[in-house]
Amino acid sequence: MLEAFVLATILCGFLGIILKKNLIMKILSMDVMSTGVIAYFVVIASRRGVFTPILGNMLRTDYADPVPQAVILTAIVIGFSIQALMLVGVIKLARNNPTLEIKEIEKGDLS
């Protein structure tokens, strides 16, 4: 059930990227899709009976692999920096254009 909600989040973000015409909405849709992909990896990686790799008094044999966790943290940081860079680009673009609609920007570039 949780996987269905995560996949619906990814689909909503993807449809937002395709259907929305405003650049800010496209960036937000991309963030929603990125969050859905990260949540999907978390759902896949979570398993019962797997312990965190912390030393203690109890003898445990099944440890969770910390490498996927590091990859997901890296994906979050990279996604945040890309989103910030795109928003800076939109701010620069907004200085020359009165609107952030894609069709209006393309019409202004042709003339």
PDB file of N, CA and C in Angstrom:
ATOM      1  N   MET A   1       0.823  -1.190   0.000  1.00  0.00           N
ATOM      2  CA  MET A   1       0.000   0.000   0.000  1.00  0.00           C
ATOM      3  C   MET A   1       0.872   1.262   0.000  1.00  0.00           C
ATOM      4  N   LEU A   2       1.934   1.236   0.826  1.00  0.00           N
ATOM      5  CA  LEU A   2       2.831   2.380   0.900  1.00  0.00           C
ATOM      6  C   LEU A   2       3.552   2.599  -0.429  1.00  0.00           C
ATOM      7  N   GLU A   3       3.904   1.507  -1.090  1.00  0.00           N
ATOM      8  CA  GLU A   3       4.561   1.615  -2.395  1.00  0.00           C
ATOM      9  C   GLU A   3       3.644   2.291  -3.410  1.00  0.00           C
ATOM     10  N   ALA A   4       2.360   2.031  -3.336  1.00  0.00           N
ATOM     11  CA  ALA A   4       1.413   2.655  -4.262  1.00  0.00           C
ATOM     12  C   ALA A   4       1.367   4.167  -4.054  1.00  0.00           C
ATOM     13  N   PHE A   5       1.381   4.614  -2.798  1.00  0.00           N
ATOM     14  CA  PHE A   5       1.380   6.052  -2.529  1.00  0.00           C
ATOM     15  C   PHE A   5       2.672   6.714  -3.006  1.00  0.00           C
ATOM     16  N   VAL A   6       3.781   6.015  -2.811  1.00  0.00           N
ATOM     17  CA  VAL A   6       5.065   6.567  -3.256  1.00  0.00           C
ATOM     18  C   VAL A   6       5.093   6.651  -4.780  1.00  0.00           C
ATOM     19  N   LEU A   7       4.629   5.624  -5.445  1.00  0.00           N
ATOM     20  CA  LEU A   7       4.590   5.650  -6.909  1.00  0.00           C
ATOM     21  C   LEU A   7       3.615   6.711  -7.421  1.00  0.00           C
ATOM     22  N   ALA A   8       2.526   6.940  -6.702  1.00  0.00           N
ATOM     23  CA  ALA A   8       1.599   8.009  -7.076  1.00  0.00           C
ATOM     24  C   ALA A   8       2.258   9.382  -6.920  1.00  0.00           C
ATOM     25  N   THR A   9       3.104   9.535  -5.898  1.00  0.00           N
ATOM     26  CA  THR A   9       3.845  10.780  -5.722  1.00  0.00           C
ATOM     27  C   THR A   9       4.798  11.015  -6.889  1.00  0.00           C
ATOM     28  N   ILE A  10       5.497   9.964  -7.289  1.00  0.00           N
ATOM     29  CA  ILE A  10       6.403  10.079  -8.438  1.00  0.00           C
ATOM     30  C   ILE A  10       5.618  10.438  -9.695  1.00  0.00           C
ATOM     31  N   LEU A  11       4.473   9.812  -9.890  1.00  0.00           N
ATOM     32  CA  LEU A  11       3.652  10.088 -11.068  1.00  0.00           C
ATOM     33  C   LEU A  11       3.113  11.523 -11.049  1.00  0.00           C
ATOM     34  N   CYS A  12       2.695  12.005  -9.892  1.00  0.00           N
ATOM     35  CA  CYS A  12       2.207  13.385  -9.791  1.00  0.00           C
ATOM     36  C   CYS A  12       3.317  14.377 -10.137  1.00  0.00           C
ATOM     37  N   GLY A  13       4.514  14.124  -9.643  1.00  0.00           N
ATOM     38  CA  GLY A  13       5.634  14.994  -9.973  1.00  0.00           C
ATOM     39  C   GLY A  13       5.959  14.962 -11.455  1.00  0.00           C
ATOM     40  N   PHE A  14       5.931  13.770 -12.053  1.00  0.00           N
ATOM     41  CA  PHE A  14       6.225  13.636 -13.480  1.00  0.00           C
ATOM     42  C   PHE A  14       5.176  14.356 -14.325  1.00  0.00           C
ATOM     43  N   LEU A  15       3.914  14.182 -13.978  1.00  0.00           N
ATOM     44  CA  LEU A  15       2.852  14.866 -14.716  1.00  0.00           C
ATOM     45  C   LEU A  15       2.933  16.382 -14.537  1.00  0.00           C
ATOM     46  N   GLY A  16       3.348  16.825 -13.357  1.00  0.00           N
ATOM     47  CA  GLY A  16       3.522  18.254 -13.137  1.00  0.00           C
ATOM     48  C   GLY A  16       4.621  18.832 -14.011  1.00  0.00           C
ATOM     49  N   ILE A  17       5.710  18.085 -14.178  1.00  0.00           N
ATOM     50  CA  ILE A  17       6.801  18.544 -15.046  1.00  0.00           C
ATOM     51  C   ILE A  17       6.314  18.665 -16.481  1.00  0.00           C
ATOM     52  N   ILE A  18       5.523  17.712 -16.919  1.00  0.00           N
ATOM     53  CA  ILE A  18       5.063  17.721 -18.310  1.00  0.00           C
ATOM     54  C   ILE A  18       3.947  18.738 -18.542  1.00  0.00           C
ATOM     55  N   LEU A  19       2.977  18.812 -17.648  1.00  0.00           N
ATOM     56  CA  LEU A  19       1.767  19.592 -17.908  1.00  0.00           C
ATOM     57  C   LEU A  19       1.829  21.053 -17.467  1.00  0.00           C
ATOM     58  N   LYS A  20       2.572  21.372 -16.441  1.00  0.00           N
ATOM     59  CA  LYS A  20       2.618  22.756 -15.953  1.00  0.00           C
ATOM     60  C   LYS A  20       3.444  23.613 -16.897  1.00  0.00           C
ATOM     61  N   LYS A  21       3.025  24.840 -17.087  1.00  0.00           N
ATOM     62  CA  LYS A  21       3.704  25.756 -17.996  1.00  0.00           C
ATOM     63  C   LYS A  21       4.550  26.795 -17.266  1.00  0.00           C
ATOM     64  N   ASN A  22       4.341  26.967 -15.972  1.00  0.00           N
ATOM     65  CA  ASN A  22       5.102  27.920 -15.179  1.00  0.00           C
ATOM     66  C   ASN A  22       6.412  27.270 -14.730  1.00  0.00           C
ATOM     67  N   LEU A  23       7.518  28.010 -14.809  1.00  0.00           N
ATOM     68  CA  LEU A  23       8.817  27.442 -14.462  1.00  0.00           C
ATOM     69  C   LEU A  23       8.927  27.092 -12.979  1.00  0.00           C
ATOM     70  N   ILE A  24       8.353  27.907 -12.116  1.00  0.00           N
ATOM     71  CA  ILE A  24       8.384  27.610 -10.677  1.00  0.00           C
ATOM     72  C   ILE A  24       7.626  26.315 -10.389  1.00  0.00           C
ATOM     73  N   MET A  25       6.486  26.137 -11.034  1.00  0.00           N
ATOM     74  CA  MET A  25       5.706  24.909 -10.831  1.00  0.00           C
ATOM     75  C   MET A  25       6.456  23.690 -11.363  1.00  0.00           C
ATOM     76  N   LYS A  26       7.187  23.852 -12.441  1.00  0.00           N
ATOM     77  CA  LYS A  26       7.997  22.751 -12.964  1.00  0.00           C
ATOM     78  C   LYS A  26       9.097  22.364 -11.976  1.00  0.00           C
ATOM     79  N   ILE A  27       9.728  23.354 -11.366  1.00  0.00           N
ATOM     80  CA  ILE A  27      10.777  23.075 -10.389  1.00  0.00           C
ATOM     81  C   ILE A  27      10.193  22.388  -9.163  1.00  0.00           C
ATOM     82  N   LEU A  28       9.042  22.859  -8.696  1.00  0.00           N
ATOM     83  CA  LEU A  28       8.396  22.211  -7.552  1.00  0.00           C
ATOM     84  C   LEU A  28       7.955  20.786  -7.894  1.00  0.00           C
ATOM     85  N   SER A  29       7.481  20.573  -9.109  1.00  0.00           N
ATOM     86  CA  SER A  29       7.098  19.224  -9.536  1.00  0.00           C
ATOM     87  C   SER A  29       8.303  18.306  -9.588  1.00  0.00           C
ATOM     88  N   MET A  30       9.432  18.852 -10.018  1.00  0.00           N
ATOM     89  CA  MET A  30      10.647  18.046 -10.040  1.00  0.00           C
ATOM     90  C   MET A  30      11.078  17.674  -8.629  1.00  0.00           C
ATOM     91  N   ASP A  31      10.881  18.590  -7.678  1.00  0.00           N
ATOM     92  CA  ASP A  31      11.199  18.298  -6.285  1.00  0.00           C
ATOM     93  C   ASP A  31      10.264  17.225  -5.721  1.00  0.00           C
ATOM     94  N   VAL A  32       8.991  17.281  -6.081  1.00  0.00           N
ATOM     95  CA  VAL A  32       8.038  16.258  -5.634  1.00  0.00           C
ATOM     96  C   VAL A  32       8.426  14.885  -6.191  1.00  0.00           C
ATOM     97  N   MET A  33       8.806  14.853  -7.465  1.00  0.00           N
ATOM     98  CA  MET A  33       9.208  13.591  -8.071  1.00  0.00           C
ATOM     99  C   MET A  33      10.491  13.056  -7.427  1.00  0.00           C
ATOM    100  N   SER A  34      11.437  13.941  -7.147  1.00  0.00           N
ATOM    101  CA  SER A  34      12.686  13.535  -6.494  1.00  0.00           C
ATOM    102  C   SER A  34      12.415  12.989  -5.090  1.00  0.00           C
ATOM    103  N   THR A  35      11.520  13.633  -4.370  1.00  0.00           N
ATOM    104  CA  THR A  35      11.153  13.155  -3.034  1.00  0.00           C
ATOM    105  C   THR A  35      10.487  11.789  -3.111  1.00  0.00           C
ATOM    106  N   GLY A  36       9.658  11.581  -4.128  1.00  0.00           N
ATOM    107  CA  GLY A  36       9.019  10.282  -4.313  1.00  0.00           C
ATOM    108  C   GLY A  36      10.027   9.188  -4.627  1.00  0.00           C
ATOM    109  N   VAL A  37      11.033   9.501  -5.439  1.00  0.00           N
ATOM    110  CA  VAL A  37      12.056   8.507  -5.762  1.00  0.00           C
ATOM    111  C   VAL A  37      12.862   8.151  -4.521  1.00  0.00           C
ATOM    112  N   ILE A  38      13.214   9.148  -3.717  1.00  0.00           N
ATOM    113  CA  ILE A  38      13.952   8.878  -2.482  1.00  0.00           C
ATOM    114  C   ILE A  38      13.094   8.058  -1.524  1.00  0.00           C
ATOM    115  N   ALA A  39      11.823   8.381  -1.416  1.00  0.00           N
ATOM    116  CA  ALA A  39      10.925   7.606  -0.551  1.00  0.00           C
ATOM    117  C   ALA A  39      10.781   6.174  -1.055  1.00  0.00           C
ATOM    118  N   TYR A  40      10.798   5.999  -2.377  1.00  0.00           N
ATOM    119  CA  TYR A  40      10.707   4.649  -2.936  1.00  0.00           C
ATOM    120  C   TYR A  40      11.933   3.823  -2.561  1.00  0.00           C
ATOM    121  N   PHE A  41      13.111   4.428  -2.614  1.00  0.00           N
ATOM    122  CA  PHE A  41      14.315   3.716  -2.194  1.00  0.00           C
ATOM    123  C   PHE A  41      14.256   3.361  -0.716  1.00  0.00           C
ATOM    124  N   VAL A  42      13.711   4.257   0.098  1.00  0.00           N
ATOM    125  CA  VAL A  42      13.587   3.974   1.533  1.00  0.00           C
ATOM    126  C   VAL A  42      12.616   2.821   1.767  1.00  0.00           C
ATOM    127  N   VAL A  43      11.504   2.796   1.035  1.00  0.00           N
ATOM    128  CA  VAL A  43      10.522   1.714   1.180  1.00  0.00           C
ATOM    129  C   VAL A  43      11.139   0.376   0.766  1.00  0.00           C
ATOM    130  N   ILE A  44      11.911   0.389  -0.316  1.00  0.00           N
ATOM    131  CA  ILE A  44      12.544  -0.847  -0.772  1.00  0.00           C
ATOM    132  C   ILE A  44      13.594  -1.325   0.229  1.00  0.00           C
ATOM    133  N   ALA A  45      14.349  -0.394   0.806  1.00  0.00           N
ATOM    134  CA  ALA A  45      15.459  -0.768   1.688  1.00  0.00           C
ATOM    135  C   ALA A  45      14.997  -1.214   3.074  1.00  0.00           C
ATOM    136  N   SER A  46      13.796  -0.849   3.476  1.00  0.00           N
ATOM    137  CA  SER A  46      13.352  -1.212   4.825  1.00  0.00           C
ATOM    138  C   SER A  46      12.901  -2.672   4.851  1.00  0.00           C
ATOM    139  N   ARG A  47      13.505  -3.415   5.752  1.00  0.00           N
ATOM    140  CA  ARG A  47      13.166  -4.830   5.928  1.00  0.00           C
ATOM    141  C   ARG A  47      13.072  -5.130   7.416  1.00  0.00           C
ATOM    142  N   ARG A  48      12.234  -6.078   7.754  1.00  0.00           N
ATOM    143  CA  ARG A  48      12.126  -6.483   9.156  1.00  0.00           C
ATOM    144  C   ARG A  48      13.270  -7.417   9.514  1.00  0.00           C
ATOM    145  N   GLY A  49      13.710  -7.337  10.741  1.00  0.00           N
ATOM    146  CA  GLY A  49      14.757  -8.226  11.227  1.00  0.00           C
ATOM    147  C   GLY A  49      16.163  -7.760  10.914  1.00  0.00           C
ATOM    148  N   VAL A  50      16.310  -6.567  10.366  1.00  0.00           N
ATOM    149  CA  VAL A  50      17.629  -6.045  10.062  1.00  0.00           C
ATOM    150  C   VAL A  50      17.963  -4.973  11.090  1.00  0.00           C
ATOM    151  N   PHE A  51      19.154  -5.053  11.651  1.00  0.00           N
ATOM    152  CA  PHE A  51      19.559  -4.155  12.729  1.00  0.00           C
ATOM    153  C   PHE A  51      20.551  -3.121  12.225  1.00  0.00           C
ATOM    154  N   THR A  52      20.623  -2.015  12.948  1.00  0.00           N
ATOM    155  CA  THR A  52      21.612  -0.991  12.605  1.00  0.00           C
ATOM    156  C   THR A  52      23.000  -1.479  13.011  1.00  0.00           C
ATOM    157  N   PRO A  53      24.024  -1.119  12.252  1.00  0.00           N
ATOM    158  CA  PRO A  53      25.373  -1.608  12.564  1.00  0.00           C
ATOM    159  C   PRO A  53      26.031  -0.833  13.708  1.00  0.00           C
ATOM    160  N   ILE A  54      25.478  -0.991  14.898  1.00  0.00           N
ATOM    161  CA  ILE A  54      26.017  -0.340  16.099  1.00  0.00           C
ATOM    162  C   ILE A  54      26.464  -1.430  17.054  1.00  0.00           C
ATOM    163  N   LEU A  55      27.665  -1.280  17.570  1.00  0.00           N
ATOM    164  CA  LEU A  55      28.200  -2.287  18.487  1.00  0.00           C
ATOM    165  C   LEU A  55      27.460  -2.234  19.812  1.00  0.00           C
ATOM    166  N   GLY A  56      27.221  -3.406  20.361  1.00  0.00           N
ATOM    167  CA  GLY A  56      26.538  -3.505  21.634  1.00  0.00           C
ATOM    168  C   GLY A  56      26.814  -4.849  22.278  1.00  0.00           C
ATOM    169  N   ASN A  57      26.106  -5.134  23.347  1.00  0.00           N
ATOM    170  CA  ASN A  57      26.315  -6.388  24.078  1.00  0.00           C
ATOM    171  C   ASN A  57      25.628  -7.571  23.420  1.00  0.00           C
ATOM    172  N   MET A  58      24.587  -7.343  22.643  1.00  0.00           N
ATOM    173  CA  MET A  58      23.828  -8.433  22.036  1.00  0.00           C
ATOM    174  C   MET A  58      24.508  -8.906  20.756  1.00  0.00           C
ATOM    175  N   LEU A  59      24.427 -10.206  20.511  1.00  0.00           N
ATOM    176  CA  LEU A  59      24.985 -10.782  19.299  1.00  0.00           C
ATOM    177  C   LEU A  59      23.926 -10.718  18.202  1.00  0.00           C
ATOM    178  N   ARG A  60      24.201  -9.971  17.155  1.00  0.00           N
ATOM    179  CA  ARG A  60      23.274  -9.832  16.032  1.00  0.00           C
ATOM    180  C   ARG A  60      24.021 -10.189  14.760  1.00  0.00           C
ATOM    181  N   THR A  61      23.325 -10.848  13.870  1.00  0.00           N
ATOM    182  CA  THR A  61      23.993 -11.283  12.636  1.00  0.00           C
ATOM    183  C   THR A  61      23.526 -10.531  11.399  1.00  0.00           C
ATOM    184  N   ASP A  62      22.294 -10.063  11.373  1.00  0.00           N
ATOM    185  CA  ASP A  62      21.767  -9.372  10.204  1.00  0.00           C
ATOM    186  C   ASP A  62      21.860  -7.860  10.399  1.00  0.00           C
ATOM    187  N   TYR A  63      22.815  -7.264   9.706  1.00  0.00           N
ATOM    188  CA  TYR A  63      22.994  -5.824   9.796  1.00  0.00           C
ATOM    189  C   TYR A  63      22.523  -5.146   8.519  1.00  0.00           C
ATOM    190  N   ALA A  64      22.007  -3.948   8.668  1.00  0.00           N
ATOM    191  CA  ALA A  64      21.600  -3.155   7.508  1.00  0.00           C
ATOM    192  C   ALA A  64      22.849  -2.579   6.851  1.00  0.00           C
ATOM    193  N   ASP A  65      22.842  -2.542   5.544  1.00  0.00           N
ATOM    194  CA  ASP A  65      23.971  -2.008   4.802  1.00  0.00           C
ATOM    195  C   ASP A  65      23.915  -0.479   4.837  1.00  0.00           C
ATOM    196  N   PRO A  66      24.958   0.198   5.329  1.00  0.00           N
ATOM    197  CA  PRO A  66      24.913   1.662   5.413  1.00  0.00           C
ATOM    198  C   PRO A  66      25.181   2.365   4.080  1.00  0.00           C
ATOM    199  N   VAL A  67      25.643   1.654   3.065  1.00  0.00           N
ATOM    200  CA  VAL A  67      25.962   2.289   1.784  1.00  0.00           C
ATOM    201  C   VAL A  67      24.714   2.888   1.118  1.00  0.00           C
ATOM    202  N   PRO A  68      23.574   2.174   1.033  1.00  0.00           N
ATOM    203  CA  PRO A  68      22.387   2.818   0.450  1.00  0.00           C
ATOM    204  C   PRO A  68      21.942   4.063   1.213  1.00  0.00           C
ATOM    205  N   GLN A  69      22.135   4.063   2.517  1.00  0.00           N
ATOM    206  CA  GLN A  69      21.781   5.244   3.299  1.00  0.00           C
ATOM    207  C   GLN A  69      22.645   6.432   2.908  1.00  0.00           C
ATOM    208  N   ALA A  70      23.931   6.179   2.697  1.00  0.00           N
ATOM    209  CA  ALA A  70      24.836   7.247   2.278  1.00  0.00           C
ATOM    210  C   ALA A  70      24.480   7.747   0.879  1.00  0.00           C
ATOM    211  N   VAL A  71      24.092   6.823   0.001  1.00  0.00           N
ATOM    212  CA  VAL A  71      23.709   7.217  -1.362  1.00  0.00           C
ATOM    213  C   VAL A  71      22.445   8.083  -1.331  1.00  0.00           C
ATOM    214  N   ILE A  72      21.484   7.733  -0.504  1.00  0.00           N
ATOM    215  CA  ILE A  72      20.256   8.514  -0.410  1.00  0.00           C
ATOM    216  C   ILE A  72      20.534   9.898   0.178  1.00  0.00           C
ATOM    217  N   LEU A  73      21.394   9.974   1.201  1.00  0.00           N
ATOM    218  CA  LEU A  73      21.756  11.289   1.739  1.00  0.00           C
ATOM    219  C   LEU A  73      22.435  12.146   0.683  1.00  0.00           C
ATOM    220  N   THR A  74      23.300  11.522  -0.118  1.00  0.00           N
ATOM    221  CA  THR A  74      23.949  12.255  -1.199  1.00  0.00           C
ATOM    222  C   THR A  74      22.930  12.714  -2.232  1.00  0.00           C
ATOM    223  N   ALA A  75      21.954  11.871  -2.549  1.00  0.00           N
ATOM    224  CA  ALA A  75      20.912  12.252  -3.511  1.00  0.00           C
ATOM    225  C   ALA A  75      20.087  13.420  -2.992  1.00  0.00           C
ATOM    226  N   ILE A  76      19.816  13.456  -1.701  1.00  0.00           N
ATOM    227  CA  ILE A  76      19.061  14.565  -1.118  1.00  0.00           C
ATOM    228  C   ILE A  76      19.840  15.869  -1.246  1.00  0.00           C
ATOM    229  N   VAL A  77      21.126  15.824  -0.930  1.00  0.00           N
ATOM    230  CA  VAL A  77      21.958  17.032  -0.999  1.00  0.00           C
ATOM    231  C   VAL A  77      22.097  17.513  -2.436  1.00  0.00           C
ATOM    232  N   ILE A  78      22.325  16.598  -3.373  1.00  0.00           N
ATOM    233  CA  ILE A  78      22.458  16.973  -4.775  1.00  0.00           C
ATOM    234  C   ILE A  78      21.135  17.530  -5.305  1.00  0.00           C
ATOM    235  N   GLY A  79      20.025  16.916  -4.940  1.00  0.00           N
ATOM    236  CA  GLY A  79      18.717  17.414  -5.363  1.00  0.00           C
ATOM    237  C   GLY A  79      18.447  18.809  -4.841  1.00  0.00           C
ATOM    238  N   PHE A  80      18.824  19.067  -3.590  1.00  0.00           N
ATOM    239  CA  PHE A  80      18.638  20.399  -3.019  1.00  0.00           C
ATOM    240  C   PHE A  80      19.486  21.432  -3.749  1.00  0.00           C
ATOM    241  N   SER A  81      20.734  21.088  -4.048  1.00  0.00           N
ATOM    242  CA  SER A  81      21.603  22.052  -4.723  1.00  0.00           C
ATOM    243  C   SER A  81      21.146  22.308  -6.156  1.00  0.00           C
ATOM    244  N   ILE A  82      20.659  21.287  -6.842  1.00  0.00           N
ATOM    245  CA  ILE A  82      20.150  21.485  -8.202  1.00  0.00           C
ATOM    246  C   ILE A  82      18.903  22.361  -8.181  1.00  0.00           C
ATOM    247  N   GLN A  83      18.039  22.122  -7.201  1.00  0.00           N
ATOM    248  CA  GLN A  83      16.831  22.947  -7.095  1.00  0.00           C
ATOM    249  C   GLN A  83      17.200  24.404  -6.810  1.00  0.00           C
ATOM    250  N   ALA A  84      18.162  24.635  -5.947  1.00  0.00           N
ATOM    251  CA  ALA A  84      18.589  26.005  -5.654  1.00  0.00           C
ATOM    252  C   ALA A  84      19.189  26.660  -6.897  1.00  0.00           C
ATOM    253  N   LEU A  85      19.984  25.920  -7.656  1.00  0.00           N
ATOM    254  CA  LEU A  85      20.572  26.456  -8.875  1.00  0.00           C
ATOM    255  C   LEU A  85      19.502  26.795  -9.914  1.00  0.00           C
ATOM    256  N   MET A  86      18.495  25.932 -10.050  1.00  0.00           N
ATOM    257  CA  MET A  86      17.412  26.220 -10.993  1.00  0.00           C
ATOM    258  C   MET A  86      16.610  27.447 -10.552  1.00  0.00           C
ATOM    259  N   LEU A  87      16.387  27.606  -9.267  1.00  0.00           N
ATOM    260  CA  LEU A  87      15.648  28.782  -8.794  1.00  0.00           C
ATOM    261  C   LEU A  87      16.442  30.069  -9.020  1.00  0.00           C
ATOM    262  N   VAL A  88      17.765  30.001  -8.890  1.00  0.00           N
ATOM    263  CA  VAL A  88      18.583  31.169  -9.200  1.00  0.00           C
ATOM    264  C   VAL A  88      18.471  31.497 -10.685  1.00  0.00           C
ATOM    265  N   GLY A  89      18.481  30.469 -11.535  1.00  0.00           N
ATOM    266  CA  GLY A  89      18.299  30.689 -12.966  1.00  0.00           C
ATOM    267  C   GLY A  89      16.952  31.314 -13.288  1.00  0.00           C
ATOM    268  N   VAL A  90      15.900  30.886 -12.593  1.00  0.00           N
ATOM    269  CA  VAL A  90      14.568  31.463 -12.807  1.00  0.00           C
ATOM    270  C   VAL A  90      14.531  32.910 -12.335  1.00  0.00           C
ATOM    271  N   ILE A  91      15.212  33.215 -11.243  1.00  0.00           N
ATOM    272  CA  ILE A  91      15.264  34.604 -10.765  1.00  0.00           C
ATOM    273  C   ILE A  91      15.958  35.485 -11.794  1.00  0.00           C
ATOM    274  N   LYS A  92      17.065  35.004 -12.359  1.00  0.00           N
ATOM    275  CA  LYS A  92      17.763  35.771 -13.406  1.00  0.00           C
ATOM    276  C   LYS A  92      16.869  35.940 -14.632  1.00  0.00           C
ATOM    277  N   LEU A  93      16.132  34.893 -14.981  1.00  0.00           N
ATOM    278  CA  LEU A  93      15.236  34.958 -16.129  1.00  0.00           C
ATOM    279  C   LEU A  93      14.077  35.912 -15.865  1.00  0.00           C
ATOM    280  N   ALA A  94      13.622  35.984 -14.629  1.00  0.00           N
ATOM    281  CA  ALA A  94      12.484  36.842 -14.286  1.00  0.00           C
ATOM    282  C   ALA A  94      12.836  38.323 -14.346  1.00  0.00           C
ATOM    283  N   ARG A  95      14.115  38.641 -14.267  1.00  0.00           N
ATOM    284  CA  ARG A  95      14.506  40.054 -14.361  1.00  0.00           C
ATOM    285  C   ARG A  95      14.220  40.626 -15.752  1.00  0.00           C
ATOM    286  N   ASN A  96      14.335  39.780 -16.777  1.00  0.00           N
ATOM    287  CA  ASN A  96      14.140  40.254 -18.151  1.00  0.00           C
ATOM    288  C   ASN A  96      12.734  39.992 -18.675  1.00  0.00           C
ATOM    289  N   ASN A  97      11.996  39.101 -18.042  1.00  0.00           N
ATOM    290  CA  ASN A  97      10.664  38.730 -18.522  1.00  0.00           C
ATOM    291  C   ASN A  97       9.627  39.046 -17.451  1.00  0.00           C
ATOM    292  N   PRO A  98       8.488  39.608 -17.853  1.00  0.00           N
ATOM    293  CA  PRO A  98       7.455  39.921 -16.866  1.00  0.00           C
ATOM    294  C   PRO A  98       6.712  38.672 -16.378  1.00  0.00           C
ATOM    295  N   THR A  99       6.857  37.535 -17.049  1.00  0.00           N
ATOM    296  CA  THR A  99       6.145  36.316 -16.684  1.00  0.00           C
ATOM    297  C   THR A  99       7.103  35.138 -16.671  1.00  0.00           C
ATOM    298  N   LEU A 100       6.709  34.085 -16.034  1.00  0.00           N
ATOM    299  CA  LEU A 100       7.508  32.864 -16.023  1.00  0.00           C
ATOM    300  C   LEU A 100       6.838  31.741 -16.804  1.00  0.00           C
ATOM    301  N   GLU A 101       5.861  32.100 -17.625  1.00  0.00           N
ATOM    302  CA  GLU A 101       5.222  31.110 -18.484  1.00  0.00           C
ATOM    303  C   GLU A 101       6.153  30.799 -19.662  1.00  0.00           C
ATOM    304  N   ILE A 102       6.300  29.526 -19.975  1.00  0.00           N
ATOM    305  CA  ILE A 102       7.262  29.098 -20.981  1.00  0.00           C
ATOM    306  C   ILE A 102       6.931  29.653 -22.364  1.00  0.00           C
ATOM    307  N   LYS A 103       5.662  29.632 -22.739  1.00  0.00           N
ATOM    308  CA  LYS A 103       5.282  30.113 -24.077  1.00  0.00           C
ATOM    309  C   LYS A 103       5.544  31.602 -24.240  1.00  0.00           C
ATOM    310  N   GLU A 104       5.316  32.384 -23.186  1.00  0.00           N
ATOM    311  CA  GLU A 104       5.576  33.811 -23.248  1.00  0.00           C
ATOM    312  C   GLU A 104       7.078  34.089 -23.341  1.00  0.00           C
ATOM    313  N   ILE A 105       7.876  33.322 -22.644  1.00  0.00           N
ATOM    314  CA  ILE A 105       9.327  33.503 -22.714  1.00  0.00           C
ATOM    315  C   ILE A 105       9.847  33.140 -24.088  1.00  0.00           C
ATOM    316  N   GLU A 106       9.324  32.058 -24.670  1.00  0.00           N
ATOM    317  CA  GLU A 106       9.752  31.658 -26.011  1.00  0.00           C
ATOM    318  C   GLU A 106       9.323  32.676 -27.054  1.00  0.00           C
ATOM    319  N   LYS A 107       8.137  33.281 -26.896  1.00  0.00           N
ATOM    320  CA  LYS A 107       7.707  34.319 -27.848  1.00  0.00           C
ATOM    321  C   LYS A 107       8.609  35.540 -27.746  1.00  0.00           C
ATOM    322  N   GLY A 108       9.033  35.882 -26.552  1.00  0.00           N
ATOM    323  CA  GLY A 108       9.911  37.024 -26.369  1.00  0.00           C
ATOM    324  C   GLY A 108      11.294  36.799 -26.944  1.00  0.00           C
ATOM    325  N   ASP A 109      11.770  35.551 -26.926  1.00  0.00           N
ATOM    326  CA  ASP A 109      13.087  35.236 -27.472  1.00  0.00           C
ATOM    327  C   ASP A 109      13.095  35.254 -28.995  1.00  0.00           C
ATOM    328  N   LEU A 110      11.955  34.961 -29.617  1.00  0.00           N
ATOM    329  CA  LEU A 110      11.898  34.915 -31.085  1.00  0.00           C
ATOM    330  C   LEU A 110      11.866  36.306 -31.701  1.00  0.00           C
ATOM    331  N   SER A 111      11.337  37.265 -30.977  1.00  0.00           N
ATOM    332  CA  SER A 111      11.210  38.599 -31.569  1.00  0.00           C
ATOM    333  C   SER A 111      12.403  39.477 -31.296  1.00  0.00           C
TER     334      SER A 111
END
